[in-house]
Amino acid sequence: SHPHADHHLGILRLLAERSAICNSPLILMAPRDLFDFLNEYHEPEIRRSFLAVDCFDMLHDGRCGNPMAGKLYDLLGITSCVSIPVAHCKRSFAVVIDGTSFGRLSYSGDCRPSNRFA
């Protein structure tokens, strides 16, 4: 994802709706800007609704970079999760996840074509 209002507000809405029906926190991988935004939001339900994994910690298969990354691997049963800086706006990332039940998952959001992501 990246630091644009549509993504910030969309995640905020998703977390609010999810916290109304589920008490367990979601592991959320995003740029630090998004976590700063969510932490400034003054609803305790929102701040308790996620566990943060910073995209910068996942640039090189960040299993060791963030304790939540290990939890992400364990809960999803994946073998690799790498964030990739992409051309869109400052601090924009794509993600490639290997080891899912259906193979490789790649997501880029709104980015322009990228050799690093291809």
Foldseek 3Di string as FASTA:
>chain_A
DDPDPVVLVVVQVVQVVCLVPDVQAAEDEAAPVSVVVQVPDPDVSSVNRYDYDYLVCQQPQNVPSDVVSVVVCVVQVWDGKHWDDAPDDPRATKIWTADHPVGIDIGRPPGDDDPRRD
